[in-house]
């Protein structure tokens, strides 16, 4: 279950980052079954699913974002 969440979030994030390279912020919608999974971005707790997470521009971070 966590693997599916990780794969879905990573795929969505890659699409957002690819299309938002010049944008100020990006949003990623994260869902899970069952609901209530914790969403961490680069080690920082952001929310519980379902949620839309706002992340800074891809140009602000030298490494890829990590969702766990």
Protein backbone atom coordinates (compact mmCIF):
# COMPACT_ATOMS: atom_id res chain seq x y z
CA UNK A 1 0.00 0.00 0.00
CA UNK A 2 2.77 2.45 0.90
CA UNK A 3 4.58 1.45 -2.28
CA UNK A 4 1.54 2.39 -4.37
CA UNK A 5 1.34 5.76 -2.60
CA UNK A 6 5.03 6.36 -3.17
CA UNK A 7 4.83 5.43 -6.85
CA UNK A 8 1.70 7.54 -7.42
CA UNK A 9 3.13 10.54 -5.59
CA UNK A 10 6.49 10.25 -7.34
CA UNK A 11 4.85 10.00 -10.77
CA UNK A 12 2.61 12.99 -10.08
CA UNK A 13 5.52 14.96 -8.71
CA UNK A 14 7.69 14.29 -11.76
CA UNK A 15 4.90 15.51 -14.04
CA UNK A 16 4.38 18.63 -11.95
CA UNK A 17 8.07 19.43 -11.76
CA UNK A 18 8.56 18.88 -15.47
CA UNK A 19 5.73 21.26 -16.32
CA UNK A 20 6.42 23.79 -13.56
CA UNK A 21 10.13 24.36 -13.95
CA UNK A 22 9.59 28.08 -14.46
CA UNK A 23 6.72 28.42 -11.97
CA UNK A 24 6.98 29.85 -8.47
CA UNK A 25 5.11 27.02 -6.70
CA UNK A 26 3.66 23.65 -7.60
CA UNK A 27 0.81 21.63 -6.12
CA UNK A 28 0.54 17.87 -5.90
CA UNK A 29 -2.68 16.04 -5.05
CA UNK A 30 -1.97 12.96 -2.94
CA UNK A 31 -4.49 10.23 -2.17
CA UNK A 32 -4.25 6.83 -0.52
CA UNK A 33 -6.44 3.88 0.37
CA UNK A 34 -7.15 3.86 3.22
CA UNK A 35 -7.15 7.60 3.78
CA UNK A 36 -5.08 9.18 6.52
CA UNK A 37 -1.56 8.33 5.35
CA UNK A 38 1.04 10.86 6.45
CA UNK A 39 2.64 12.92 3.67
CA UNK A 40 6.27 13.94 4.12
CA UNK A 41 8.16 16.06 1.61
CA UNK A 42 11.94 16.00 1.99
CA UNK A 43 11.52 14.73 5.55
CA UNK A 44 8.99 17.39 6.64
CA UNK A 45 5.42 16.43 7.56
CA UNK A 46 2.97 18.27 5.31
CA UNK A 47 -0.48 16.68 5.74
CA UNK A 48 -2.52 13.49 5.81
CA UNK A 49 -4.23 12.08 2.74
CA UNK A 50 -6.24 13.10 0.89
CA UNK A 51 -4.53 16.46 0.51
CA UNK A 52 -3.10 18.91 -1.97
CA UNK A 53 0.48 19.76 -1.06
CA UNK A 54 2.08 23.02 -2.15
CA UNK A 55 5.80 22.80 -2.81
CA UNK A 56 8.30 25.45 -3.83
CA UNK A 57 9.67 25.85 -7.31
CA UNK A 58 11.83 23.02 -8.62
CA UNK A 59 14.60 25.52 -9.20
CA UNK A 60 14.92 26.16 -5.43
CA UNK A 61 16.09 22.62 -4.66
CA UNK A 62 19.24 21.06 -6.08
CA UNK A 63 17.96 17.50 -5.58
CA UNK A 64 14.59 15.91 -6.42
CA UNK A 65 11.75 16.09 -3.90
CA UNK A 66 11.17 12.88 -1.96
CA UNK A 67 7.69 11.81 -0.90
CA UNK A 68 7.41 9.16 1.81
